[in-house]
Amino acid sequence: METNLQKIQKIVDASELLREEKDDFVTLLTLATDTELGPMAQLLSEDKSQTSKIYQNIKAKSTALATGDSVLWQKIIQEEEAQLKELER
């Protein structure tokens, strides 16, 4: 049976992201469990156009964590919340 990471990797590989971004995206996701990746796999299966947005979000979070920038982290979270509210409509 295919894991959620494998499902996501297929979608990412078919995306318009650059090869380096694709590799980076999948590498970052290896830190999560298969269960944690379930919602992302479902979302990307339903709407492949979200691939770039999710990648950019993950990259921004990585930058915020690496630099310890709590203001950037808060901004990312606020943007996520706004996007989730928009999706709920």
N, C-alpha and C. Protein backbone atom coordinates (compact mmCIF):
# COMPACT_ATOMS: atom_id res chain seq x y z
N MET A 1 0.84 -1.18 0.00
CA MET A 1 0.00 0.00 0.00
C MET A 1 0.89 1.25 0.00
N GLU A 2 0.47 2.23 -0.74
CA GLU A 2 1.21 3.47 -0.89
C GLU A 2 1.08 4.34 0.37
N THR A 3 2.20 4.86 0.85
CA THR A 3 2.17 5.75 2.01
C THR A 3 1.74 7.15 1.58
N ASN A 4 1.37 7.96 2.56
CA ASN A 4 1.00 9.34 2.25
C ASN A 4 2.18 10.11 1.68
N LEU A 5 3.38 9.85 2.18
CA LEU A 5 4.56 10.51 1.64
C LEU A 5 4.76 10.16 0.16
N GLN A 6 4.55 8.90 -0.18
CA GLN A 6 4.68 8.48 -1.58
C GLN A 6 3.62 9.16 -2.46
N LYS A 7 2.40 9.27 -1.95
CA LYS A 7 1.34 9.95 -2.69
C LYS A 7 1.72 11.42 -2.93
N ILE A 8 2.20 12.06 -1.87
CA ILE A 8 2.59 13.46 -1.98
C ILE A 8 3.76 13.61 -2.95
N GLN A 9 4.72 12.69 -2.85
CA GLN A 9 5.89 12.78 -3.72
C GLN A 9 5.50 12.70 -5.20
N LYS A 10 4.55 11.84 -5.54
CA LYS A 10 4.09 11.75 -6.93
C LYS A 10 3.48 13.09 -7.39
N ILE A 11 2.70 13.69 -6.53
CA ILE A 11 2.07 14.97 -6.87
C ILE A 11 3.12 16.06 -7.00
N VAL A 12 4.05 16.09 -6.06
CA VAL A 12 5.12 17.09 -6.09
C VAL A 12 5.98 16.90 -7.33
N ASP A 13 6.31 15.66 -7.66
CA ASP A 13 7.13 15.40 -8.86
C ASP A 13 6.45 15.87 -10.14
N ALA A 14 5.12 15.83 -10.16
CA ALA A 14 4.37 16.27 -11.34
C ALA A 14 4.10 17.77 -11.34
N SER A 15 4.49 18.44 -10.27
CA SER A 15 4.21 19.87 -10.14
C SER A 15 5.20 20.70 -10.95
N GLU A 16 4.95 22.01 -10.94
CA GLU A 16 5.81 22.94 -11.67
C GLU A 16 6.97 23.47 -10.82
N LEU A 17 7.12 22.94 -9.62
CA LEU A 17 8.25 23.36 -8.79
C LEU A 17 9.56 22.97 -9.47
N LEU A 18 10.60 23.70 -9.17
CA LEU A 18 11.92 23.35 -9.68
C LEU A 18 12.40 22.06 -9.03
N ARG A 19 13.27 21.33 -9.68
CA ARG A 19 13.76 20.04 -9.17
C ARG A 19 14.29 20.20 -7.74
N GLU A 20 15.07 21.23 -7.48
CA GLU A 20 15.62 21.46 -6.14
C GLU A 20 14.50 21.67 -5.12
N GLU A 21 13.46 22.40 -5.50
CA GLU A 21 12.33 22.65 -4.62
C GLU A 21 11.57 21.35 -4.34
N LYS A 22 11.39 20.55 -5.38
CA LYS A 22 10.71 19.26 -5.22
C LYS A 22 11.45 18.39 -4.23
N ASP A 23 12.76 18.30 -4.40
CA ASP A 23 13.57 17.49 -3.49
C ASP A 23 13.51 18.02 -2.07
N ASP A 24 13.60 19.33 -1.94
CA ASP A 24 13.55 19.99 -0.64
C ASP A 24 12.21 19.74 0.04
N PHE A 25 11.13 19.88 -0.71
CA PHE A 25 9.77 19.68 -0.21
C PHE A 25 9.63 18.28 0.38
N VAL A 26 9.98 17.28 -0.39
CA VAL A 26 9.82 15.90 0.06
C VAL A 26 10.74 15.60 1.24
N THR A 27 11.95 16.14 1.21
CA THR A 27 12.88 15.93 2.33
C THR A 27 12.32 16.51 3.62
N LEU A 28 11.75 17.70 3.56
CA LEU A 28 11.16 18.31 4.74
C LEU A 28 10.00 17.47 5.29
N LEU A 29 9.26 16.85 4.40
CA LEU A 29 8.11 16.05 4.82
C LEU A 29 8.49 14.74 5.48
N THR A 30 9.72 14.29 5.28
CA THR A 30 10.14 13.04 5.91
C THR A 30 10.20 13.17 7.43
N LEU A 31 10.14 14.38 7.94
CA LEU A 31 10.14 14.60 9.38
C LEU A 31 8.78 14.29 10.01
N ALA A 32 7.75 14.21 9.19
CA ALA A 32 6.39 13.96 9.68
C ALA A 32 6.04 12.48 9.58
N THR A 33 5.09 12.06 10.40
CA THR A 33 4.61 10.68 10.33
C THR A 33 3.62 10.53 9.18
N ASP A 34 3.36 9.29 8.82
CA ASP A 34 2.40 9.03 7.75
C ASP A 34 1.01 9.57 8.12
N THR A 35 0.65 9.42 9.37
CA THR A 35 -0.65 9.92 9.84
C THR A 35 -0.72 11.44 9.73
N GLU A 36 0.35 12.10 10.12
CA GLU A 36 0.39 13.56 10.04
C GLU A 36 0.30 14.05 8.60
N LEU A 37 0.82 13.26 7.67
CA LEU A 37 0.80 13.65 6.25
C LEU A 37 -0.53 13.36 5.57
N GLY A 38 -1.42 12.64 6.24
CA GLY A 38 -2.71 12.26 5.65
C GLY A 38 -3.51 13.44 5.12
N PRO A 39 -3.75 14.47 5.95
CA PRO A 39 -4.53 15.60 5.46
C PRO A 39 -3.88 16.32 4.27
N MET A 40 -2.55 16.42 4.28
CA MET A 40 -1.86 17.07 3.17
C MET A 40 -2.01 16.23 1.90
N ALA A 41 -1.87 14.92 2.04
CA ALA A 41 -2.02 14.03 0.88
C ALA A 41 -3.43 14.16 0.30
N GLN A 42 -4.41 14.23 1.16
CA GLN A 42 -5.79 14.36 0.70
C GLN A 42 -6.00 15.70 0.00
N LEU A 43 -5.53 16.78 0.61
CA LEU A 43 -5.68 18.11 0.02
C LEU A 43 -5.02 18.17 -1.35
N LEU A 44 -3.78 17.68 -1.44
CA LEU A 44 -3.07 17.74 -2.72
C LEU A 44 -3.71 16.84 -3.76
N SER A 45 -4.28 15.73 -3.34
CA SER A 45 -4.98 14.86 -4.28
C SER A 45 -6.21 15.55 -4.87
N GLU A 46 -6.87 16.33 -4.03
CA GLU A 46 -8.08 17.04 -4.45
C GLU A 46 -7.77 18.32 -5.21
N ASP A 47 -6.65 18.98 -4.88
CA ASP A 47 -6.32 20.26 -5.48
C ASP A 47 -4.81 20.40 -5.63
N LYS A 48 -4.30 19.92 -6.74
CA LYS A 48 -2.86 19.91 -6.98
C LYS A 48 -2.27 21.32 -7.06
N SER A 49 -3.11 22.32 -7.30
CA SER A 49 -2.63 23.69 -7.38
C SER A 49 -2.12 24.20 -6.03
N GLN A 50 -2.43 23.50 -4.95
CA GLN A 50 -1.98 23.89 -3.62
C GLN A 50 -0.52 23.53 -3.36
N THR A 51 0.08 22.73 -4.24
CA THR A 51 1.45 22.25 -4.03
C THR A 51 2.43 23.38 -3.79
N SER A 52 2.44 24.36 -4.66
CA SER A 52 3.37 25.47 -4.53
C SER A 52 3.11 26.28 -3.26
N LYS A 53 1.85 26.52 -2.95
CA LYS A 53 1.49 27.28 -1.75
C LYS A 53 1.98 26.56 -0.49
N ILE A 54 1.78 25.26 -0.44
CA ILE A 54 2.20 24.49 0.72
C ILE A 54 3.71 24.48 0.84
N TYR A 55 4.39 24.32 -0.30
CA TYR A 55 5.85 24.35 -0.28
C TYR A 55 6.36 25.68 0.25
N GLN A 56 5.81 26.78 -0.25
CA GLN A 56 6.25 28.10 0.18
C GLN A 56 6.00 28.29 1.68
N ASN A 57 4.89 27.77 2.16
CA ASN A 57 4.56 27.86 3.58
C ASN A 57 5.57 27.08 4.42
N ILE A 58 5.88 25.87 4.00
CA ILE A 58 6.85 25.05 4.73
C ILE A 58 8.22 25.70 4.73
N LYS A 59 8.63 26.25 3.58
CA LYS A 59 9.92 26.93 3.50
C LYS A 59 9.97 28.13 4.43
N ALA A 60 8.90 28.91 4.46
CA ALA A 60 8.85 30.08 5.33
C ALA A 60 8.95 29.66 6.80
N LYS A 61 8.26 28.59 7.16
CA LYS A 61 8.33 28.09 8.54
C LYS A 61 9.75 27.64 8.87
N SER A 62 10.38 26.96 7.95
CA SER A 62 11.77 26.50 8.16
C SER A 62 12.69 27.69 8.40
N THR A 63 12.50 28.74 7.61
CA THR A 63 13.31 29.95 7.77
C THR A 63 13.05 30.59 9.14
N ALA A 64 11.79 30.69 9.51
CA ALA A 64 11.45 31.29 10.80
C ALA A 64 12.05 30.50 11.95
N LEU A 65 11.99 29.17 11.87
CA LEU A 65 12.57 28.34 12.92
C LEU A 65 14.09 28.45 12.95
N ALA A 66 14.70 28.42 11.78
CA ALA A 66 16.17 28.46 11.71
C ALA A 66 16.73 29.78 12.23
N THR A 67 15.98 30.85 12.01
CA THR A 67 16.47 32.17 12.43
C THR A 67 15.92 32.59 13.79
N GLY A 68 14.96 31.83 14.31
CA GLY A 68 14.35 32.18 15.59
C GLY A 68 13.48 33.42 15.50
N ASP A 69 12.96 33.68 14.31
CA ASP A 69 12.17 34.89 14.06
C ASP A 69 10.70 34.64 14.46
N SER A 70 10.36 35.00 15.68
CA SER A 70 9.00 34.76 16.16
C SER A 70 7.97 35.65 15.48
N VAL A 71 8.37 36.83 15.02
CA VAL A 71 7.46 37.72 14.31
C VAL A 71 7.08 37.09 12.97
N LEU A 72 8.05 36.55 12.26
CA LEU A 72 7.78 35.86 11.00
C LEU A 72 6.89 34.65 11.23
N TRP A 73 7.18 33.90 12.28
CA TRP A 73 6.37 32.72 12.60
C TRP A 73 4.91 33.12 12.83
N GLN A 74 4.68 34.17 13.61
CA GLN A 74 3.32 34.64 13.86
C GLN A 74 2.63 35.06 12.58
N LYS A 75 3.36 35.74 11.72
CA LYS A 75 2.80 36.18 10.43
C LYS A 75 2.37 34.97 9.60
N ILE A 76 3.19 33.94 9.57
CA ILE A 76 2.88 32.72 8.80
C ILE A 76 1.62 32.07 9.36
N ILE A 77 1.54 31.97 10.67
CA ILE A 77 0.37 31.35 11.31
C ILE A 77 -0.89 32.16 11.02
N GLN A 78 -0.80 33.47 11.08
CA GLN A 78 -1.96 34.32 10.78
C GLN A 78 -2.41 34.13 9.33
N GLU A 79 -1.46 34.03 8.42
CA GLU A 79 -1.80 33.80 7.02
C GLU A 79 -2.46 32.44 6.83
N GLU A 80 -1.96 31.43 7.53
CA GLU A 80 -2.57 30.09 7.47
C GLU A 80 -4.01 30.13 7.96
N GLU A 81 -4.22 30.80 9.08
CA GLU A 81 -5.57 30.89 9.63
C GLU A 81 -6.52 31.57 8.66
N ALA A 82 -6.06 32.62 8.01
CA ALA A 82 -6.89 33.33 7.04
C ALA A 82 -7.21 32.42 5.85
N GLN A 83 -6.23 31.66 5.40
CA GLN A 83 -6.45 30.74 4.28
C GLN A 83 -7.44 29.64 4.67
N LEU A 84 -7.32 29.13 5.89
CA LEU A 84 -8.25 28.09 6.34
C LEU A 84 -9.67 28.62 6.43
N LYS A 85 -9.82 29.84 6.92
CA LYS A 85 -11.16 30.44 7.00
C LYS A 85 -11.74 30.60 5.59
N GLU A 86 -10.89 30.98 4.65
CA GLU A 86 -11.35 31.14 3.26
C GLU A 86 -11.79 29.79 2.68
N LEU A 87 -11.06 28.74 2.98
CA LEU A 87 -11.40 27.40 2.47
C LEU A 87 -12.70 26.88 3.07
N GLU A 88 -13.00 27.29 4.29
CA GLU A 88 -14.21 26.84 4.98
C GLU A 88 -15.48 27.43 4.38
N ARG A 89 -15.33 28.51 3.63
CA ARG A 89 -16.50 29.19 3.04
C ARG A 89 -17.05 28.44 1.89
